[in-house]
Amino acid sequence: REAKVLRMRFGIDMNTDHTLEEVGKQFDVTRERIRQIEAKALRKLRHPTRSEHLRSFLDE
């Protein structure tokens, strides 16, 4: 769910990005809940253990 929210919000693998409200309607939750899910997912991606793993993709 977090991955899908991030993909929709940032337009990854899609032709456009979506607003909090648009994503909320898709998941049948409020804009605030989508904002919370997005923040949690980004926090996970920024965590040092994950960012080290992701950094290897950038170096290639």
PDB file of N, CA and C in Angstrom:
ATOM      1  N   ARG A   1       0.826  -1.195   0.000  1.00  0.00           N
ATOM      2  CA  ARG A   1       0.000   0.000   0.000  1.00  0.00           C
ATOM      3  C   ARG A   1       0.870   1.259   0.000  1.00  0.00           C
ATOM      4  N   GLU A   2       1.925   1.245   0.823  1.00  0.00           N
ATOM      5  CA  GLU A   2       2.813   2.410   0.855  1.00  0.00           C
ATOM      6  C   GLU A   2       3.463   2.640  -0.504  1.00  0.00           C
ATOM      7  N   ALA A   3       3.890   1.561  -1.127  1.00  0.00           N
ATOM      8  CA  ALA A   3       4.542   1.676  -2.435  1.00  0.00           C
ATOM      9  C   ALA A   3       3.569   2.251  -3.463  1.00  0.00           C
ATOM     10  N   LYS A   4       2.347   1.784  -3.445  1.00  0.00           N
ATOM     11  CA  LYS A   4       1.332   2.271  -4.391  1.00  0.00           C
ATOM     12  C   LYS A   4       1.049   3.756  -4.164  1.00  0.00           C
ATOM     13  N   VAL A   5       0.970   4.164  -2.889  1.00  0.00           N
ATOM     14  CA  VAL A   5       0.730   5.577  -2.573  1.00  0.00           C
ATOM     15  C   VAL A   5       1.874   6.432  -3.112  1.00  0.00           C
ATOM     16  N   LEU A   6       3.122   6.017  -2.871  1.00  0.00           N
ATOM     17  CA  LEU A   6       4.262   6.790  -3.363  1.00  0.00           C
ATOM     18  C   LEU A   6       4.281   6.851  -4.884  1.00  0.00           C
ATOM     19  N   ARG A   7       3.978   5.731  -5.524  1.00  0.00           N
ATOM     20  CA  ARG A   7       3.951   5.723  -6.994  1.00  0.00           C
ATOM     21  C   ARG A   7       2.909   6.697  -7.531  1.00  0.00           C
ATOM     22  N   MET A   8       1.756   6.692  -6.911  1.00  0.00           N
ATOM     23  CA  MET A   8       0.686   7.587  -7.381  1.00  0.00           C
ATOM     24  C   MET A   8       1.022   9.052  -7.080  1.00  0.00           C
ATOM     25  N   ARG A   9       1.528   9.331  -5.891  1.00  0.00           N
ATOM     26  CA  ARG A   9       1.824  10.709  -5.498  1.00  0.00           C
ATOM     27  C   ARG A   9       2.910  11.334  -6.363  1.00  0.00           C
ATOM     28  N   PHE A  10       3.949  10.547  -6.694  1.00  0.00           N
ATOM     29  CA  PHE A  10       5.077  11.083  -7.455  1.00  0.00           C
ATOM     30  C   PHE A  10       5.017  10.750  -8.940  1.00  0.00           C
ATOM     31  N   GLY A  11       3.997  10.030  -9.372  1.00  0.00           N
ATOM     32  CA  GLY A  11       3.833   9.725 -10.784  1.00  0.00           C
ATOM     33  C   GLY A  11       4.824   8.706 -11.319  1.00  0.00           C
ATOM     34  N   ILE A  12       5.308   7.837 -10.450  1.00  0.00           N
ATOM     35  CA  ILE A  12       6.270   6.807 -10.861  1.00  0.00           C
ATOM     36  C   ILE A  12       5.505   5.697 -11.591  1.00  0.00           C
ATOM     37  N   ASP A  13       5.971   5.332 -12.766  1.00  0.00           N
ATOM     38  CA  ASP A  13       5.317   4.327 -13.619  1.00  0.00           C
ATOM     39  C   ASP A  13       3.913   4.757 -14.043  1.00  0.00           C
ATOM     40  N   MET A  14       3.647   6.059 -14.025  1.00  0.00           N
ATOM     41  CA  MET A  14       2.351   6.595 -14.460  1.00  0.00           C
ATOM     42  C   MET A  14       2.633   7.816 -15.318  1.00  0.00           C
ATOM     43  N   ASN A  15       1.631   8.282 -15.997  1.00  0.00           N
ATOM     44  CA  ASN A  15       1.840   9.438 -16.861  1.00  0.00           C
ATOM     45  C   ASN A  15       1.689  10.770 -16.117  1.00  0.00           C
ATOM     46  N   THR A  16       1.174  10.739 -14.883  1.00  0.00           N
ATOM     47  CA  THR A  16       1.042  11.974 -14.110  1.00  0.00           C
ATOM     48  C   THR A  16       1.017  11.657 -12.623  1.00  0.00           C
ATOM     49  N   ASP A  17       1.344  12.659 -11.802  1.00  0.00           N
ATOM     50  CA  ASP A  17       1.241  12.471 -10.359  1.00  0.00           C
ATOM     51  C   ASP A  17      -0.185  12.805  -9.914  1.00  0.00           C
ATOM     52  N   HIS A  18      -0.531  12.416  -8.695  1.00  0.00           N
ATOM     53  CA  HIS A  18      -1.888  12.591  -8.193  1.00  0.00           C
ATOM     54  C   HIS A  18      -1.878  13.385  -6.893  1.00  0.00           C
ATOM     55  N   THR A  19      -2.965  14.085  -6.628  1.00  0.00           N
ATOM     56  CA  THR A  19      -3.092  14.840  -5.386  1.00  0.00           C
ATOM     57  C   THR A  19      -3.424  13.894  -4.235  1.00  0.00           C
ATOM     58  N   LEU A  20      -3.289  14.409  -3.010  1.00  0.00           N
ATOM     59  CA  LEU A  20      -3.660  13.618  -1.832  1.00  0.00           C
ATOM     60  C   LEU A  20      -5.119  13.180  -1.930  1.00  0.00           C
ATOM     61  N   GLU A  21      -5.963  14.075  -2.393  1.00  0.00           N
ATOM     62  CA  GLU A  21      -7.389  13.769  -2.490  1.00  0.00           C
ATOM     63  C   GLU A  21      -7.659  12.657  -3.509  1.00  0.00           C
ATOM     64  N   GLU A  22      -6.994  12.727  -4.659  1.00  0.00           N
ATOM     65  CA  GLU A  22      -7.183  11.693  -5.692  1.00  0.00           C
ATOM     66  C   GLU A  22      -6.742  10.325  -5.183  1.00  0.00           C
ATOM     67  N   VAL A  23      -5.605  10.297  -4.519  1.00  0.00           N
ATOM     68  CA  VAL A  23      -5.106   9.022  -3.985  1.00  0.00           C
ATOM     69  C   VAL A  23      -6.036   8.530  -2.877  1.00  0.00           C
ATOM     70  N   GLY A  24      -6.500   9.451  -2.037  1.00  0.00           N
ATOM     71  CA  GLY A  24      -7.428   9.086  -0.969  1.00  0.00           C
ATOM     72  C   GLY A  24      -8.693   8.454  -1.484  1.00  0.00           C
ATOM     73  N   LYS A  25      -9.229   8.996  -2.566  1.00  0.00           N
ATOM     74  CA  LYS A  25     -10.442   8.422  -3.156  1.00  0.00           C
ATOM     75  C   LYS A  25     -10.180   7.006  -3.664  1.00  0.00           C
ATOM     76  N   GLN A  26      -9.012   6.794  -4.232  1.00  0.00           N
ATOM     77  CA  GLN A  26      -8.643   5.475  -4.752  1.00  0.00           C
ATOM     78  C   GLN A  26      -8.616   4.421  -3.630  1.00  0.00           C
ATOM     79  N   PHE A  27      -8.087   4.825  -2.466  1.00  0.00           N
ATOM     80  CA  PHE A  27      -7.964   3.906  -1.336  1.00  0.00           C
ATOM     81  C   PHE A  27      -9.127   4.017  -0.354  1.00  0.00           C
ATOM     82  N   ASP A  28     -10.055   4.932  -0.624  1.00  0.00           N
ATOM     83  CA  ASP A  28     -11.214   5.159   0.235  1.00  0.00           C
ATOM     84  C   ASP A  28     -10.795   5.567   1.655  1.00  0.00           C
ATOM     85  N   VAL A  29      -9.836   6.499   1.721  1.00  0.00           N
ATOM     86  CA  VAL A  29      -9.394   7.077   2.989  1.00  0.00           C
ATOM     87  C   VAL A  29      -9.263   8.593   2.814  1.00  0.00           C
ATOM     88  N   THR A  30      -9.020   9.300   3.907  1.00  0.00           N
ATOM     89  CA  THR A  30      -8.928  10.755   3.845  1.00  0.00           C
ATOM     90  C   THR A  30      -7.578  11.207   3.296  1.00  0.00           C
ATOM     91  N   ARG A  31      -7.524  12.482   2.913  1.00  0.00           N
ATOM     92  CA  ARG A  31      -6.259  13.075   2.458  1.00  0.00           C
ATOM     93  C   ARG A  31      -5.215  12.987   3.557  1.00  0.00           C
ATOM     94  N   GLU A  32      -5.638  13.234   4.792  1.00  0.00           N
ATOM     95  CA  GLU A  32      -4.712  13.202   5.926  1.00  0.00           C
ATOM     96  C   GLU A  32      -4.090  11.825   6.095  1.00  0.00           C
ATOM     97  N   ARG A  33      -4.893  10.789   5.927  1.00  0.00           N
ATOM     98  CA  ARG A  33      -4.373   9.423   6.063  1.00  0.00           C
ATOM     99  C   ARG A  33      -3.357   9.129   4.957  1.00  0.00           C
ATOM    100  N   ILE A  34      -3.617   9.593   3.755  1.00  0.00           N
ATOM    101  CA  ILE A  34      -2.669   9.414   2.653  1.00  0.00           C
ATOM    102  C   ILE A  34      -1.374  10.149   2.965  1.00  0.00           C
ATOM    103  N   ARG A  35      -1.490  11.357   3.515  1.00  0.00           N
ATOM    104  CA  ARG A  35      -0.308  12.127   3.889  1.00  0.00           C
ATOM    105  C   ARG A  35       0.513  11.362   4.934  1.00  0.00           C
ATOM    106  N   GLN A  36      -0.151  10.738   5.899  1.00  0.00           N
ATOM    107  CA  GLN A  36       0.534   9.961   6.925  1.00  0.00           C
ATOM    108  C   GLN A  36       1.233   8.738   6.328  1.00  0.00           C
ATOM    109  N   ILE A  37       0.550   8.045   5.434  1.00  0.00           N
ATOM    110  CA  ILE A  37       1.132   6.865   4.784  1.00  0.00           C
ATOM    111  C   ILE A  37       2.350   7.269   3.960  1.00  0.00           C
ATOM    112  N   GLU A  38       2.220   8.372   3.235  1.00  0.00           N
ATOM    113  CA  GLU A  38       3.331   8.878   2.420  1.00  0.00           C
ATOM    114  C   GLU A  38       4.529   9.231   3.307  1.00  0.00           C
ATOM    115  N   ALA A  39       4.275   9.927   4.397  1.00  0.00           N
ATOM    116  CA  ALA A  39       5.358  10.337   5.308  1.00  0.00           C
ATOM    117  C   ALA A  39       6.058   9.116   5.900  1.00  0.00           C
ATOM    118  N   LYS A  40       5.296   8.107   6.280  1.00  0.00           N
ATOM    119  CA  LYS A  40       5.871   6.891   6.844  1.00  0.00           C
ATOM    120  C   LYS A  40       6.738   6.170   5.819  1.00  0.00           C
ATOM    121  N   ALA A  41       6.254   6.070   4.600  1.00  0.00           N
ATOM    122  CA  ALA A  41       7.002   5.397   3.538  1.00  0.00           C
ATOM    123  C   ALA A  41       8.304   6.132   3.236  1.00  0.00           C
ATOM    124  N   LEU A  42       8.250   7.463   3.182  1.00  0.00           N
ATOM    125  CA  LEU A  42       9.459   8.241   2.915  1.00  0.00           C
ATOM    126  C   LEU A  42      10.452   8.126   4.070  1.00  0.00           C
ATOM    127  N   ARG A  43       9.931   8.072   5.293  1.00  0.00           N
ATOM    128  CA  ARG A  43      10.794   7.898   6.458  1.00  0.00           C
ATOM    129  C   ARG A  43      11.532   6.558   6.372  1.00  0.00           C
ATOM    130  N   LYS A  44      10.823   5.522   5.945  1.00  0.00           N
ATOM    131  CA  LYS A  44      11.454   4.206   5.784  1.00  0.00           C
ATOM    132  C   LYS A  44      12.557   4.254   4.726  1.00  0.00           C
ATOM    133  N   LEU A  45      12.284   4.916   3.616  1.00  0.00           N
ATOM    134  CA  LEU A  45      13.274   4.985   2.537  1.00  0.00           C
ATOM    135  C   LEU A  45      14.508   5.779   2.952  1.00  0.00           C
ATOM    136  N   ARG A  46      14.318   6.756   3.830  1.00  0.00           N
ATOM    137  CA  ARG A  46      15.437   7.592   4.279  1.00  0.00           C
ATOM    138  C   ARG A  46      16.243   6.952   5.398  1.00  0.00           C
ATOM    139  N   HIS A  47      15.748   5.866   5.982  1.00  0.00           N
ATOM    140  CA  HIS A  47      16.449   5.220   7.085  1.00  0.00           C
ATOM    141  C   HIS A  47      17.819   4.740   6.593  1.00  0.00           C
ATOM    142  N   PRO A  48      18.852   4.933   7.413  1.00  0.00           N
ATOM    143  CA  PRO A  48      20.223   4.602   6.971  1.00  0.00           C
ATOM    144  C   PRO A  48      20.405   3.196   6.416  1.00  0.00           C
ATOM    145  N   THR A  49      19.791   2.204   7.026  1.00  0.00           N
ATOM    146  CA  THR A  49      19.988   0.838   6.527  1.00  0.00           C
ATOM    147  C   THR A  49      19.393   0.665   5.134  1.00  0.00           C
ATOM    148  N   ARG A  50      18.274   1.284   4.871  1.00  0.00           N
ATOM    149  CA  ARG A  50      17.672   1.193   3.535  1.00  0.00           C
ATOM    150  C   ARG A  50      18.404   2.075   2.539  1.00  0.00           C
ATOM    151  N   SER A  51      18.773   3.264   2.987  1.00  0.00           N
ATOM    152  CA  SER A  51      19.403   4.183   2.042  1.00  0.00           C
ATOM    153  C   SER A  51      20.741   3.627   1.553  1.00  0.00           C
ATOM    154  N   GLU A  52      21.443   2.872   2.397  1.00  0.00           N
ATOM    155  CA  GLU A  52      22.686   2.244   1.948  1.00  0.00           C
ATOM    156  C   GLU A  52      22.399   1.218   0.850  1.00  0.00           C
ATOM    157  N   HIS A  53      21.337   0.456   1.025  1.00  0.00           N
ATOM    158  CA  HIS A  53      20.963  -0.541   0.025  1.00  0.00           C
ATOM    159  C   HIS A  53      20.547   0.136  -1.284  1.00  0.00           C
ATOM    160  N   LEU A  54      19.800   1.221  -1.173  1.00  0.00           N
ATOM    161  CA  LEU A  54      19.347   1.936  -2.369  1.00  0.00           C
ATOM    162  C   LEU A  54      20.493   2.663  -3.063  1.00  0.00           C
ATOM    163  N   ARG A  55      21.484   3.097  -2.290  1.00  0.00           N
ATOM    164  CA  ARG A  55      22.615   3.831  -2.853  1.00  0.00           C
ATOM    165  C   ARG A  55      23.369   2.989  -3.893  1.00  0.00           C
ATOM    166  N   SER A  56      23.402   1.677  -3.701  1.00  0.00           N
ATOM    167  CA  SER A  56      24.093   0.814  -4.658  1.00  0.00           C
ATOM    168  C   SER A  56      23.465   0.906  -6.049  1.00  0.00           C
ATOM    169  N   PHE A  57      22.171   1.157  -6.126  1.00  0.00           N
ATOM    170  CA  PHE A  57      21.511   1.316  -7.418  1.00  0.00           C
ATOM    171  C   PHE A  57      21.938   2.605  -8.107  1.00  0.00           C
ATOM    172  N   LEU A  58      22.207   3.634  -7.327  1.00  0.00           N
ATOM    173  CA  LEU A  58      22.604   4.919  -7.889  1.00  0.00           C
ATOM    174  C   LEU A  58      24.025   4.892  -8.429  1.00  0.00           C
ATOM    175  N   ASP A  59      24.883   4.064  -7.812  1.00  0.00           N
ATOM    176  CA  ASP A  59      26.281   4.004  -8.221  1.00  0.00           C
ATOM    177  C   ASP A  59      26.486   3.248  -9.525  1.00  0.00           C
ATOM    178  N   GLU A  60      25.523   2.439  -9.910  1.00  0.00           N
ATOM    179  CA  GLU A  60      25.689   1.627 -11.127  1.00  0.00           C
ATOM    180  C   GLU A  60      25.536   2.436 -12.389  1.00  0.00           C
TER     181      GLU A  60
END
